[in-house]
């Protein structure tokens, strides 16, 4: 992920809970930059319910744990929310 482009447009797919069923659905959002999408996942979607998130940047897909690593990375362009 060293060459990850935080300025590239991104698509975000978010599901709550585990598994899939008729009651569970995915939410789709587009972001002008992947950095904004990452910030949204980590800071705005804090919840006790397990999240399933997938970030799509170009042809690459990143799952929840990878999104967190991108947020924690030294190249992340925004200031981080203090814990």
PDB file of N, CA and C in Angstrom:
ATOM      1  N   UNK A   1       0.811  -1.192   0.000  1.00  0.00           N
ATOM      2  CA  UNK A   1       0.000   0.000   0.000  1.00  0.00           C
ATOM      3  C   UNK A   1       0.855   1.256   0.000  1.00  0.00           C
ATOM      4  N   UNK A   2       2.141   1.094  -0.183  1.00  0.00           N
ATOM      5  CA  UNK A   2       3.047   2.237  -0.169  1.00  0.00           C
ATOM      6  C   UNK A   2       2.740   3.225  -1.288  1.00  0.00           C
ATOM      7  N   UNK A   3       2.194   2.740  -2.393  1.00  0.00           N
ATOM      8  CA  UNK A   3       1.905   3.624  -3.518  1.00  0.00           C
ATOM      9  C   UNK A   3       0.432   4.032  -3.575  1.00  0.00           C
ATOM     10  N   UNK A   4      -0.290   3.915  -2.465  1.00  0.00           N
ATOM     11  CA  UNK A   4      -1.708   4.257  -2.418  1.00  0.00           C
ATOM     12  C   UNK A   4      -1.897   5.746  -2.711  1.00  0.00           C
ATOM     13  N   UNK A   5      -2.883   6.063  -3.543  1.00  0.00           N
ATOM     14  CA  UNK A   5      -3.164   7.445  -3.929  1.00  0.00           C
ATOM     15  C   UNK A   5      -4.342   7.980  -3.122  1.00  0.00           C
ATOM     16  N   UNK A   6      -4.057   8.794  -2.125  1.00  0.00           N
ATOM     17  CA  UNK A   6      -5.090   9.363  -1.276  1.00  0.00           C
ATOM     18  C   UNK A   6      -5.917  10.434  -1.990  1.00  0.00           C
ATOM     19  N   UNK A   7      -5.481  10.871  -3.168  1.00  0.00           N
ATOM     20  CA  UNK A   7      -6.215  11.903  -3.910  1.00  0.00           C
ATOM     21  C   UNK A   7      -7.161  11.320  -4.957  1.00  0.00           C
ATOM     22  N   UNK A   8      -7.088  10.029  -5.198  1.00  0.00           N
ATOM     23  CA  UNK A   8      -7.933   9.383  -6.214  1.00  0.00           C
ATOM     24  C   UNK A   8      -9.386   9.303  -5.747  1.00  0.00           C
ATOM     25  N   UNK A   9     -10.338   9.427  -6.670  1.00  0.00           N
ATOM     26  CA  UNK A   9     -11.748   9.245  -6.307  1.00  0.00           C
ATOM     27  C   UNK A   9     -11.982   7.834  -5.765  1.00  0.00           C
ATOM     28  N   UNK A  10     -12.971   7.703  -4.880  1.00  0.00           N
ATOM     29  CA  UNK A  10     -13.211   6.404  -4.244  1.00  0.00           C
ATOM     30  C   UNK A  10     -14.697   6.106  -4.137  1.00  0.00           C
ATOM     31  N   UNK A  11     -14.998   4.810  -4.139  1.00  0.00           N
ATOM     32  CA  UNK A  11     -16.346   4.320  -3.895  1.00  0.00           C
ATOM     33  C   UNK A  11     -16.299   3.526  -2.602  1.00  0.00           C
ATOM     34  N   UNK A  12     -17.352   3.657  -1.803  1.00  0.00           N
ATOM     35  CA  UNK A  12     -17.400   2.989  -0.514  1.00  0.00           C
ATOM     36  C   UNK A  12     -18.685   2.184  -0.410  1.00  0.00           C
ATOM     37  N   UNK A  13     -18.532   0.939  -0.027  1.00  0.00           N
ATOM     38  CA  UNK A  13     -19.669   0.037   0.191  1.00  0.00           C
ATOM     39  C   UNK A  13     -19.663  -0.337   1.664  1.00  0.00           C
ATOM     40  N   UNK A  14     -20.794  -0.097   2.351  1.00  0.00           N
ATOM     41  CA  UNK A  14     -20.861  -0.308   3.792  1.00  0.00           C
ATOM     42  C   UNK A  14     -22.049  -1.201   4.122  1.00  0.00           C
ATOM     43  N   UNK A  15     -21.792  -2.212   4.927  1.00  0.00           N
ATOM     44  CA  UNK A  15     -22.851  -3.081   5.433  1.00  0.00           C
ATOM     45  C   UNK A  15     -22.695  -3.226   6.928  1.00  0.00           C
ATOM     46  N   UNK A  16     -23.804  -3.355   7.641  1.00  0.00           N
ATOM     47  CA  UNK A  16     -23.743  -3.542   9.089  1.00  0.00           C
ATOM     48  C   UNK A  16     -24.088  -4.984   9.421  1.00  0.00           C
ATOM     49  N   UNK A  17     -23.484  -5.489  10.472  1.00  0.00           N
ATOM     50  CA  UNK A  17     -23.775  -6.849  10.918  1.00  0.00           C
ATOM     51  C   UNK A  17     -22.919  -7.869  10.203  1.00  0.00           C
ATOM     52  N   UNK A  18     -23.242  -9.110  10.459  1.00  0.00           N
ATOM     53  CA  UNK A  18     -22.480 -10.209   9.869  1.00  0.00           C
ATOM     54  C   UNK A  18     -23.331 -10.935   8.848  1.00  0.00           C
ATOM     55  N   UNK A  19     -22.669 -11.448   7.826  1.00  0.00           N
ATOM     56  CA  UNK A  19     -23.365 -12.252   6.824  1.00  0.00           C
ATOM     57  C   UNK A  19     -24.329 -11.426   6.002  1.00  0.00           C
ATOM     58  N   UNK A  20     -25.095 -12.110   5.192  1.00  0.00           N
ATOM     59  CA  UNK A  20     -26.084 -11.430   4.374  1.00  0.00           C
ATOM     60  C   UNK A  20     -27.437 -12.085   4.573  1.00  0.00           C
ATOM     61  N   UNK A  21     -28.430 -11.277   4.592  1.00  0.00           N
ATOM     62  CA  UNK A  21     -29.800 -11.760   4.647  1.00  0.00           C
ATOM     63  C   UNK A  21     -30.684 -10.685   4.034  1.00  0.00           C
ATOM     64  N   UNK A  22     -31.942 -10.943   3.948  1.00  0.00           N
ATOM     65  CA  UNK A  22     -32.839  -9.964   3.342  1.00  0.00           C
ATOM     66  C   UNK A  22     -32.855  -8.653   4.108  1.00  0.00           C
ATOM     67  N   UNK A  23     -32.672  -8.713   5.421  1.00  0.00           N
ATOM     68  CA  UNK A  23     -32.697  -7.504   6.241  1.00  0.00           C
ATOM     69  C   UNK A  23     -31.435  -6.665   6.134  1.00  0.00           C
ATOM     70  N   UNK A  24     -30.348  -7.263   5.732  1.00  0.00           N
ATOM     71  CA  UNK A  24     -29.084  -6.536   5.617  1.00  0.00           C
ATOM     72  C   UNK A  24     -28.933  -5.996   4.212  1.00  0.00           C
ATOM     73  N   UNK A  25     -28.471  -4.785   4.107  1.00  0.00           N
ATOM     74  CA  UNK A  25     -28.214  -4.213   2.796  1.00  0.00           C
ATOM     75  C   UNK A  25     -26.925  -3.399   2.836  1.00  0.00           C
ATOM     76  N   UNK A  26     -26.408  -3.147   1.694  1.00  0.00           N
ATOM     77  CA  UNK A  26     -25.183  -2.370   1.568  1.00  0.00           C
ATOM     78  C   UNK A  26     -25.547  -0.923   1.222  1.00  0.00           C
ATOM     79  N   UNK A  27     -24.806  -0.004   1.781  1.00  0.00           N
ATOM     80  CA  UNK A  27     -24.937   1.402   1.455  1.00  0.00           C
ATOM     81  C   UNK A  27     -23.767   1.768   0.553  1.00  0.00           C
ATOM     82  N   UNK A  28     -24.038   2.570  -0.449  1.00  0.00           N
ATOM     83  CA  UNK A  28     -23.013   2.975  -1.417  1.00  0.00           C
ATOM     84  C   UNK A  28     -22.837   4.477  -1.336  1.00  0.00           C
ATOM     85  N   UNK A  29     -21.579   4.917  -1.319  1.00  0.00           N
ATOM     86  CA  UNK A  29     -21.264   6.348  -1.351  1.00  0.00           C
ATOM     87  C   UNK A  29     -20.037   6.562  -2.222  1.00  0.00           C
ATOM     88  N   UNK A  30     -20.017   7.706  -2.885  1.00  0.00           N
ATOM     89  CA  UNK A  30     -18.840   8.111  -3.664  1.00  0.00           C
ATOM     90  C   UNK A  30     -18.188   9.290  -2.960  1.00  0.00           C
ATOM     91  N   UNK A  31     -16.865   9.351  -3.057  1.00  0.00           N
ATOM     92  CA  UNK A  31     -16.098  10.428  -2.448  1.00  0.00           C
ATOM     93  C   UNK A  31     -15.126  10.992  -3.482  1.00  0.00           C
ATOM     94  N   UNK A  32     -14.903  12.308  -3.458  1.00  0.00           N
ATOM     95  CA  UNK A  32     -13.968  12.906  -4.417  1.00  0.00           C
ATOM     96  C   UNK A  32     -12.532  12.423  -4.218  1.00  0.00           C
ATOM     97  N   UNK A  33     -12.185  12.073  -2.970  1.00  0.00           N
ATOM     98  CA  UNK A  33     -10.850  11.525  -2.708  1.00  0.00           C
ATOM     99  C   UNK A  33     -10.961  10.316  -1.784  1.00  0.00           C
ATOM    100  N   UNK A  34     -10.026   9.413  -1.921  1.00  0.00           N
ATOM    101  CA  UNK A  34     -10.006   8.235  -1.056  1.00  0.00           C
ATOM    102  C   UNK A  34      -9.719   8.630   0.392  1.00  0.00           C
ATOM    103  N   UNK A  35      -8.947   9.705   0.597  1.00  0.00           N
ATOM    104  CA  UNK A  35      -8.672  10.164   1.963  1.00  0.00           C
ATOM    105  C   UNK A  35      -9.961  10.545   2.678  1.00  0.00           C
ATOM    106  N   UNK A  36     -10.891  11.191   1.976  1.00  0.00           N
ATOM    107  CA  UNK A  36     -12.174  11.555   2.576  1.00  0.00           C
ATOM    108  C   UNK A  36     -13.000  10.316   2.910  1.00  0.00           C
ATOM    109  N   UNK A  37     -12.962   9.320   2.046  1.00  0.00           N
ATOM    110  CA  UNK A  37     -13.692   8.079   2.297  1.00  0.00           C
ATOM    111  C   UNK A  37     -13.118   7.360   3.511  1.00  0.00           C
ATOM    112  N   UNK A  38     -11.809   7.310   3.621  1.00  0.00           N
ATOM    113  CA  UNK A  38     -11.145   6.663   4.758  1.00  0.00           C
ATOM    114  C   UNK A  38     -11.513   7.377   6.051  1.00  0.00           C
ATOM    115  N   UNK A  39     -11.468   8.698   6.030  1.00  0.00           N
ATOM    116  CA  UNK A  39     -11.835   9.489   7.204  1.00  0.00           C
ATOM    117  C   UNK A  39     -13.278   9.186   7.621  1.00  0.00           C
ATOM    118  N   UNK A  40     -14.176   9.097   6.660  1.00  0.00           N
ATOM    119  CA  UNK A  40     -15.573   8.804   6.945  1.00  0.00           C
ATOM    120  C   UNK A  40     -15.728   7.436   7.616  1.00  0.00           C
ATOM    121  N   UNK A  41     -15.059   6.425   7.090  1.00  0.00           N
ATOM    122  CA  UNK A  41     -15.162   5.076   7.659  1.00  0.00           C
ATOM    123  C   UNK A  41     -14.657   5.047   9.095  1.00  0.00           C
ATOM    124  N   UNK A  42     -13.491   5.604   9.324  1.00  0.00           N
ATOM    125  CA  UNK A  42     -12.858   5.478  10.635  1.00  0.00           C
ATOM    126  C   UNK A  42     -13.471   6.427  11.664  1.00  0.00           C
ATOM    127  N   UNK A  43     -13.776   7.653  11.264  1.00  0.00           N
ATOM    128  CA  UNK A  43     -14.224   8.638  12.247  1.00  0.00           C
ATOM    129  C   UNK A  43     -15.744   8.779  12.344  1.00  0.00           C
ATOM    130  N   UNK A  44     -16.454   8.708  11.250  1.00  0.00           N
ATOM    131  CA  UNK A  44     -17.898   8.953  11.284  1.00  0.00           C
ATOM    132  C   UNK A  44     -18.717   7.689  11.513  1.00  0.00           C
ATOM    133  N   UNK A  45     -18.167   6.549  11.192  1.00  0.00           N
ATOM    134  CA  UNK A  45     -18.933   5.307  11.320  1.00  0.00           C
ATOM    135  C   UNK A  45     -18.584   4.521  12.572  1.00  0.00           C
ATOM    136  N   UNK A  46     -18.042   5.192  13.581  1.00  0.00           N
ATOM    137  CA  UNK A  46     -17.743   4.497  14.825  1.00  0.00           C
ATOM    138  C   UNK A  46     -19.049   3.948  15.385  1.00  0.00           C
ATOM    139  N   UNK A  47     -19.061   2.652  15.647  1.00  0.00           N
ATOM    140  CA  UNK A  47     -20.285   2.010  16.109  1.00  0.00           C
ATOM    141  C   UNK A  47     -19.955   0.718  16.834  1.00  0.00           C
ATOM    142  N   UNK A  48     -20.858   0.284  17.680  1.00  0.00           N
ATOM    143  CA  UNK A  48     -20.670  -0.996  18.366  1.00  0.00           C
ATOM    144  C   UNK A  48     -21.020  -2.161  17.441  1.00  0.00           C
ATOM    145  N   UNK A  49     -21.808  -1.881  16.414  1.00  0.00           N
ATOM    146  CA  UNK A  49     -22.186  -2.911  15.454  1.00  0.00           C
ATOM    147  C   UNK A  49     -21.026  -3.159  14.503  1.00  0.00           C
ATOM    148  N   UNK A  50     -20.643  -4.420  14.282  1.00  0.00           N
ATOM    149  CA  UNK A  50     -19.547  -4.689  13.347  1.00  0.00           C
ATOM    150  C   UNK A  50     -19.868  -4.144  11.949  1.00  0.00           C
ATOM    151  N   UNK A  51     -18.926  -3.461  11.374  1.00  0.00           N
ATOM    152  CA  UNK A  51     -19.093  -2.915  10.037  1.00  0.00           C
ATOM    153  C   UNK A  51     -18.363  -3.772   9.016  1.00  0.00           C
ATOM    154  N   UNK A  52     -18.983  -3.900   7.891  1.00  0.00           N
ATOM    155  CA  UNK A  52     -18.306  -4.481   6.735  1.00  0.00           C
ATOM    156  C   UNK A  52     -18.155  -3.335   5.757  1.00  0.00           C
ATOM    157  N   UNK A  53     -16.944  -2.938   5.494  1.00  0.00           N
ATOM    158  CA  UNK A  53     -16.706  -1.832   4.583  1.00  0.00           C
ATOM    159  C   UNK A  53     -15.715  -2.261   3.513  1.00  0.00           C
ATOM    160  N   UNK A  54     -15.972  -1.784   2.315  1.00  0.00           N
ATOM    161  CA  UNK A  54     -15.058  -2.026   1.201  1.00  0.00           C
ATOM    162  C   UNK A  54     -14.856  -0.707   0.478  1.00  0.00           C
ATOM    163  N   UNK A  55     -13.607  -0.332   0.334  1.00  0.00           N
ATOM    164  CA  UNK A  55     -13.216   0.884  -0.362  1.00  0.00           C
ATOM    165  C   UNK A  55     -12.675   0.473  -1.722  1.00  0.00           C
ATOM    166  N   UNK A  56     -13.219   1.055  -2.773  1.00  0.00           N
ATOM    167  CA  UNK A  56     -12.760   0.743  -4.123  1.00  0.00           C
ATOM    168  C   UNK A  56     -12.140   2.000  -4.706  1.00  0.00           C
ATOM    169  N   UNK A  57     -10.864   1.874  -5.054  1.00  0.00           N
ATOM    170  CA  UNK A  57     -10.109   2.973  -5.662  1.00  0.00           C
ATOM    171  C   UNK A  57      -9.539   2.437  -6.963  1.00  0.00           C
ATOM    172  N   UNK A  58     -10.079   2.930  -8.067  1.00  0.00           N
ATOM    173  CA  UNK A  58      -9.680   2.383  -9.364  1.00  0.00           C
ATOM    174  C   UNK A  58     -10.050   0.914  -9.435  1.00  0.00           C
ATOM    175  N   UNK A  59      -9.072   0.071  -9.665  1.00  0.00           N
ATOM    176  CA  UNK A  59      -9.294  -1.375  -9.755  1.00  0.00           C
ATOM    177  C   UNK A  59      -8.987  -2.101  -8.441  1.00  0.00           C
ATOM    178  N   UNK A  60      -8.584  -1.354  -7.418  1.00  0.00           N
ATOM    179  CA  UNK A  60      -8.179  -1.961  -6.148  1.00  0.00           C
ATOM    180  C   UNK A  60      -9.289  -1.886  -5.112  1.00  0.00           C
ATOM    181  N   UNK A  61      -9.379  -2.940  -4.305  1.00  0.00           N
ATOM    182  CA  UNK A  61     -10.405  -3.030  -3.254  1.00  0.00           C
ATOM    183  C   UNK A  61      -9.707  -3.215  -1.911  1.00  0.00           C
ATOM    184  N   UNK A  62     -10.179  -2.479  -0.909  1.00  0.00           N
ATOM    185  CA  UNK A  62      -9.604  -2.523   0.434  1.00  0.00           C
ATOM    186  C   UNK A  62     -10.712  -2.832   1.432  1.00  0.00           C
ATOM    187  N   UNK A  63     -10.468  -3.806   2.299  1.00  0.00           N
ATOM    188  CA  UNK A  63     -11.437  -4.210   3.321  1.00  0.00           C
ATOM    189  C   UNK A  63     -11.211  -3.384   4.591  1.00  0.00           C
ATOM    190  N   UNK A  64     -12.077  -3.569   5.580  1.00  0.00           N
ATOM    191  CA  UNK A  64     -12.061  -2.765   6.808  1.00  0.00           C
ATOM    192  C   UNK A  64     -10.689  -2.666   7.472  1.00  0.00           C
ATOM    193  N   UNK A  65     -10.010  -3.779   7.649  1.00  0.00           N
ATOM    194  CA  UNK A  65      -8.703  -3.750   8.317  1.00  0.00           C
ATOM    195  C   UNK A  65      -7.669  -2.983   7.488  1.00  0.00           C
ATOM    196  N   UNK A  66      -7.747  -3.087   6.172  1.00  0.00           N
ATOM    197  CA  UNK A  66      -6.825  -2.359   5.303  1.00  0.00           C
ATOM    198  C   UNK A  66      -7.135  -0.859   5.316  1.00  0.00           C
ATOM    199  N   UNK A  67      -8.410  -0.517   5.409  1.00  0.00           N
ATOM    200  CA  UNK A  67      -8.805   0.894   5.480  1.00  0.00           C
ATOM    201  C   UNK A  67      -8.213   1.518   6.736  1.00  0.00           C
ATOM    202  N   UNK A  68      -8.274   0.793   7.834  1.00  0.00           N
ATOM    203  CA  UNK A  68      -7.710   1.296   9.097  1.00  0.00           C
ATOM    204  C   UNK A  68      -6.197   1.499   8.973  1.00  0.00           C
ATOM    205  N   UNK A  69      -5.517   0.593   8.294  1.00  0.00           N
ATOM    206  CA  UNK A  69      -4.069   0.740   8.098  1.00  0.00           C
ATOM    207  C   UNK A  69      -3.756   1.968   7.257  1.00  0.00           C
ATOM    208  N   UNK A  70      -4.584   2.249   6.260  1.00  0.00           N
ATOM    209  CA  UNK A  70      -4.383   3.447   5.445  1.00  0.00           C
ATOM    210  C   UNK A  70      -4.592   4.712   6.279  1.00  0.00           C
ATOM    211  N   UNK A  71      -5.559   4.685   7.170  1.00  0.00           N
ATOM    212  CA  UNK A  71      -5.827   5.814   8.068  1.00  0.00           C
ATOM    213  C   UNK A  71      -4.648   6.034   9.019  1.00  0.00           C
ATOM    214  N   UNK A  72      -4.084   4.953   9.518  1.00  0.00           N
ATOM    215  CA  UNK A  72      -2.965   5.034  10.461  1.00  0.00           C
ATOM    216  C   UNK A  72      -1.619   5.279   9.784  1.00  0.00           C
ATOM    217  N   UNK A  73      -1.574   5.173   8.470  1.00  0.00           N
ATOM    218  CA  UNK A  73      -0.321   5.311   7.730  1.00  0.00           C
ATOM    219  C   UNK A  73       0.279   6.710   7.800  1.00  0.00           C
ATOM    220  N   UNK A  74       1.563   6.789   7.628  1.00  0.00           N
ATOM    221  CA  UNK A  74       2.278   8.070   7.720  1.00  0.00           C
ATOM    222  C   UNK A  74       1.926   9.025   6.582  1.00  0.00           C
ATOM    223  N   UNK A  75       1.429   8.506   5.473  1.00  0.00           N
ATOM    224  CA  UNK A  75       1.095   9.355   4.325  1.00  0.00           C
ATOM    225  C   UNK A  75      -0.343   9.862   4.346  1.00  0.00           C
ATOM    226  N   UNK A  76      -1.143   9.443   5.319  1.00  0.00           N
ATOM    227  CA  UNK A  76      -2.527   9.901   5.417  1.00  0.00           C
ATOM    228  C   UNK A  76      -2.530  11.431   5.532  1.00  0.00           C
ATOM    229  N   UNK A  77      -3.259  12.141   4.660  1.00  0.00           N
ATOM    230  CA  UNK A  77      -3.101  13.597   4.555  1.00  0.00           C
ATOM    231  C   UNK A  77      -3.860  14.446   5.583  1.00  0.00           C
ATOM    232  N   UNK A  78      -4.813  13.895   6.321  1.00  0.00           N
ATOM    233  CA  UNK A  78      -5.594  14.688   7.264  1.00  0.00           C
ATOM    234  C   UNK A  78      -5.117  14.448   8.687  1.00  0.00           C
ATOM    235  N   UNK A  79      -5.436  15.398   9.585  1.00  0.00           N
ATOM    236  CA  UNK A  79      -5.158  15.143  10.986  1.00  0.00           C
ATOM    237  C   UNK A  79      -6.148  14.083  11.474  1.00  0.00           C
ATOM    238  N   UNK A  80      -5.708  13.298  12.420  1.00  0.00           N
ATOM    239  CA  UNK A  80      -6.531  12.201  12.915  1.00  0.00           C
ATOM    240  C   UNK A  80      -7.322  12.642  14.136  1.00  0.00           C
ATOM    241  N   UNK A  81      -8.477  12.032  14.299  1.00  0.00           N
ATOM    242  CA  UNK A  81      -9.330  12.305  15.438  1.00  0.00           C
ATOM    243  C   UNK A  81      -8.628  11.777  16.691  1.00  0.00           C
ATOM    244  N   UNK A  82      -8.547  12.614  17.739  1.00  0.00           N
ATOM    245  CA  UNK A  82      -7.911  12.143  18.955  1.00  0.00           C
ATOM    246  C   UNK A  82      -8.848  11.228  19.717  1.00  0.00           C
ATOM    247  N   UNK A  83      -8.259  10.195  20.309  1.00  0.00           N
ATOM    248  CA  UNK A  83      -9.040   9.149  20.980  1.00  0.00           C
ATOM    249  C   UNK A  83      -9.379   9.549  22.382  1.00  0.00           C
TER     250      UNK A  83
END
